[in-house]
Amino acid sequence: MANVYSTQFLTSHAGAPVTAVVPDGFVAVIRTITAFNASVIAPETAALVLVAEAVTIWQSLLSPGPPDVPNASAVINCRVVRNPGQEIATNNGSDIDMTVSGYLLTLP
């Protein structure tokens, strides 16, 4: 039996749009989404979307930071499966930092 390790699928800083594509021969399982609102002034929206399907799998309005303010950050645990060639993308406000990680499994 092979070991399974988490891998980072994407990182978005300051709201930058980022897209990750599942490589051929693999299935990706999104397990954890983290988001932080770096603004000290305004709430910002954080969102992760399945590109081809135009489906938002997670969205939240995060209060302004610093980190000790409730709702300035969010950690979401999920299990979303993406097949080879499928994409996931960020759709964040301009002050949102986000990471998405999970498992990249080889196909049988």
C-alpha atoms as a PDB file:
ATOM      1  CA  MET A   1       0.000   0.000   0.000  1.00  0.00           C
ATOM      2  CA  ALA A   2       1.334   3.443  -0.937  1.00  0.00           C
ATOM      3  CA  ASN A   3       1.475   6.353   1.477  1.00  0.00           C
ATOM      4  CA  VAL A   4      -0.848   9.278   0.813  1.00  0.00           C
ATOM      5  CA  TYR A   5       0.385  12.805   1.467  1.00  0.00           C
ATOM      6  CA  SER A   6      -1.332  16.149   1.214  1.00  0.00           C
ATOM      7  CA  THR A   7      -0.283  18.477  -1.549  1.00  0.00           C
ATOM      8  CA  GLN A   8      -0.968  22.137  -2.167  1.00  0.00           C
ATOM      9  CA  PHE A   9      -3.108  22.764  -5.256  1.00  0.00           C
ATOM     10  CA  LEU A  10      -3.027  26.541  -5.272  1.00  0.00           C
ATOM     11  CA  THR A  11      -2.124  29.674  -3.348  1.00  0.00           C
ATOM     12  CA  SER A  12      -3.636  33.074  -4.016  1.00  0.00           C
ATOM     13  CA  HIS A  13      -2.237  36.276  -2.511  1.00  0.00           C
ATOM     14  CA  ALA A  14      -4.047  39.626  -2.379  1.00  0.00           C
ATOM     15  CA  GLY A  15      -7.029  38.384  -4.368  1.00  0.00           C
ATOM     16  CA  ALA A  16      -4.993  37.232  -7.373  1.00  0.00           C
ATOM     17  CA  PRO A  17      -7.001  34.845  -9.554  1.00  0.00           C
ATOM     18  CA  VAL A  18      -5.348  31.434  -9.602  1.00  0.00           C
ATOM     19  CA  THR A  19      -6.406  28.295 -11.485  1.00  0.00           C
ATOM     20  CA  ALA A  20      -5.171  24.751 -10.856  1.00  0.00           C
ATOM     21  CA  VAL A  21      -5.636  21.904 -13.344  1.00  0.00           C
ATOM     22  CA  VAL A  22      -5.667  18.247 -12.305  1.00  0.00           C
ATOM     23  CA  PRO A  23      -2.837  16.549 -14.245  1.00  0.00           C
ATOM     24  CA  ASP A  24      -3.418  13.564 -16.530  1.00  0.00           C
ATOM     25  CA  GLY A  25      -3.295  10.246 -14.681  1.00  0.00           C
ATOM     26  CA  PHE A  26      -4.452  11.721 -11.355  1.00  0.00           C
ATOM     27  CA  VAL A  27      -7.588  12.449  -9.373  1.00  0.00           C
ATOM     28  CA  ALA A  28      -7.509  15.369  -6.947  1.00  0.00           C
ATOM     29  CA  VAL A  29      -9.434  15.438  -3.678  1.00  0.00           C
ATOM     30  CA  ILE A  30      -9.770  18.939  -2.251  1.00  0.00           C
ATOM     31  CA  ARG A  31      -9.617  18.613   1.530  1.00  0.00           C
ATOM     32  CA  THR A  32      -8.788  21.993   3.043  1.00  0.00           C
ATOM     33  CA  ILE A  33      -9.438  25.590   2.041  1.00  0.00           C
ATOM     34  CA  THR A  34      -7.960  28.422   4.103  1.00  0.00           C
ATOM     35  CA  ALA A  35      -8.776  32.074   3.566  1.00  0.00           C
ATOM     36  CA  PHE A  36      -7.731  35.258   5.358  1.00  0.00           C
ATOM     37  CA  ASN A  37      -8.912  38.836   4.906  1.00  0.00           C
ATOM     38  CA  ALA A  38      -5.848  41.089   5.183  1.00  0.00           C
ATOM     39  CA  SER A  39      -7.936  44.262   5.051  1.00  0.00           C
ATOM     40  CA  VAL A  40      -8.286  46.165   8.312  1.00  0.00           C
ATOM     41  CA  ILE A  41     -11.147  48.224   6.856  1.00  0.00           C
ATOM     42  CA  ALA A  42     -13.685  46.215   4.860  1.00  0.00           C
ATOM     43  CA  PRO A  43     -15.158  42.729   4.618  1.00  0.00           C
ATOM     44  CA  GLU A  44     -14.072  40.738   1.554  1.00  0.00           C
ATOM     45  CA  THR A  45     -15.488  37.717  -0.238  1.00  0.00           C
ATOM     46  CA  ALA A  46     -13.478  34.507  -0.606  1.00  0.00           C
ATOM     47  CA  ALA A  47     -14.651  31.848  -3.065  1.00  0.00           C
ATOM     48  CA  LEU A  48     -13.466  28.661  -4.731  1.00  0.00           C
ATOM     49  CA  VAL A  49     -15.104  27.575  -7.995  1.00  0.00           C
ATOM     50  CA  LEU A  50     -15.201  24.562 -10.288  1.00  0.00           C
ATOM     51  CA  VAL A  51     -14.426  26.264 -13.582  1.00  0.00           C
ATOM     52  CA  ALA A  52     -16.070  24.173 -16.328  1.00  0.00           C
ATOM     53  CA  GLU A  53     -19.225  23.625 -14.289  1.00  0.00           C
ATOM     54  CA  ALA A  54     -19.422  27.276 -13.137  1.00  0.00           C
ATOM     55  CA  VAL A  55     -20.134  25.964  -9.633  1.00  0.00           C
ATOM     56  CA  THR A  56     -19.015  27.717  -6.466  1.00  0.00           C
ATOM     57  CA  ILE A  57     -18.087  25.049  -3.926  1.00  0.00           C
ATOM     58  CA  TRP A  58     -17.330  27.502  -1.123  1.00  0.00           C
ATOM     59  CA  GLN A  59     -17.909  31.207  -0.537  1.00  0.00           C
ATOM     60  CA  SER A  60     -17.678  33.353   2.560  1.00  0.00           C
ATOM     61  CA  LEU A  61     -17.752  37.031   3.450  1.00  0.00           C
ATOM     62  CA  LEU A  62     -14.798  37.497   5.816  1.00  0.00           C
ATOM     63  CA  SER A  63     -14.659  40.368   8.283  1.00  0.00           C
ATOM     64  CA  PRO A  64     -11.607  42.648   8.237  1.00  0.00           C
ATOM     65  CA  GLY A  65      -8.427  41.460  10.061  1.00  0.00           C
ATOM     66  CA  PRO A  66      -6.205  41.408  12.186  1.00  0.00           C
ATOM     67  CA  PRO A  67      -6.082  37.656  12.922  1.00  0.00           C
ATOM     68  CA  ASP A  68      -7.572  38.018  16.413  1.00  0.00           C
ATOM     69  CA  VAL A  69     -10.845  39.364  14.971  1.00  0.00           C
ATOM     70  CA  PRO A  70     -13.547  36.667  14.623  1.00  0.00           C
ATOM     71  CA  ASN A  71     -14.324  35.733  11.012  1.00  0.00           C
ATOM     72  CA  ALA A  72     -11.203  37.431   9.589  1.00  0.00           C
ATOM     73  CA  SER A  73     -10.143  33.944   8.529  1.00  0.00           C
ATOM     74  CA  ALA A  74     -11.742  30.616   7.718  1.00  0.00           C
ATOM     75  CA  VAL A  75     -10.566  27.016   7.499  1.00  0.00           C
ATOM     76  CA  ILE A  76     -12.892  24.682   5.632  1.00  0.00           C
ATOM     77  CA  ASN A  77     -12.585  20.904   5.523  1.00  0.00           C
ATOM     78  CA  CYS A  78     -14.267  19.233   2.571  1.00  0.00           C
ATOM     79  CA  ARG A  79     -14.047  16.331   0.147  1.00  0.00           C
ATOM     80  CA  VAL A  80     -14.465  17.479  -3.434  1.00  0.00           C
ATOM     81  CA  VAL A  81     -13.212  15.168  -6.200  1.00  0.00           C
ATOM     82  CA  ARG A  82     -11.773  16.567  -9.457  1.00  0.00           C
ATOM     83  CA  ASN A  83     -10.836  14.386 -12.422  1.00  0.00           C
ATOM     84  CA  PRO A  84      -7.916  14.756 -14.852  1.00  0.00           C
ATOM     85  CA  GLY A  85      -8.096  18.023 -16.787  1.00  0.00           C
ATOM     86  CA  GLN A  86     -10.689  19.602 -14.507  1.00  0.00           C
ATOM     87  CA  GLU A  87      -9.932  22.983 -12.965  1.00  0.00           C
ATOM     88  CA  ILE A  88     -10.460  24.778  -9.678  1.00  0.00           C
ATOM     89  CA  ALA A  89     -10.036  28.530  -9.350  1.00  0.00           C
ATOM     90  CA  THR A  90     -10.112  31.313  -6.800  1.00  0.00           C
ATOM     91  CA  ASN A  91     -12.612  34.146  -7.062  1.00  0.00           C
ATOM     92  CA  ASN A  92     -11.551  36.420  -4.209  1.00  0.00           C
ATOM     93  CA  GLY A  93     -11.804  40.001  -3.087  1.00  0.00           C
ATOM     94  CA  SER A  94      -8.655  42.101  -3.425  1.00  0.00           C
ATOM     95  CA  ASP A  95      -7.409  41.515   0.141  1.00  0.00           C
ATOM     96  CA  ILE A  96      -8.009  37.775   0.418  1.00  0.00           C
ATOM     97  CA  ASP A  97      -5.175  35.263   0.785  1.00  0.00           C
ATOM     98  CA  MET A  98      -6.178  31.644   0.111  1.00  0.00           C
ATOM     99  CA  THR A  99      -4.629  28.185   0.012  1.00  0.00           C
ATOM    100  CA  VAL A 100      -6.228  24.971  -1.232  1.00  0.00           C
ATOM    101  CA  SER A 101      -4.760  21.557  -0.479  1.00  0.00           C
ATOM    102  CA  GLY A 102      -5.690  17.901  -0.566  1.00  0.00           C
ATOM    103  CA  TYR A 103      -4.678  14.605  -2.106  1.00  0.00           C
ATOM    104  CA  LEU A 104      -3.387  13.948  -5.610  1.00  0.00           C
ATOM    105  CA  LEU A 105      -4.107  10.272  -6.204  1.00  0.00           C
ATOM    106  CA  THR A 106      -2.825   8.172  -9.102  1.00  0.00           C
ATOM    107  CA  LEU A 107      -5.443   6.429 -11.206  1.00  0.00           C
ATOM    108  CA  PRO A 108      -5.398   2.629 -11.226  1.00  0.00           C
END
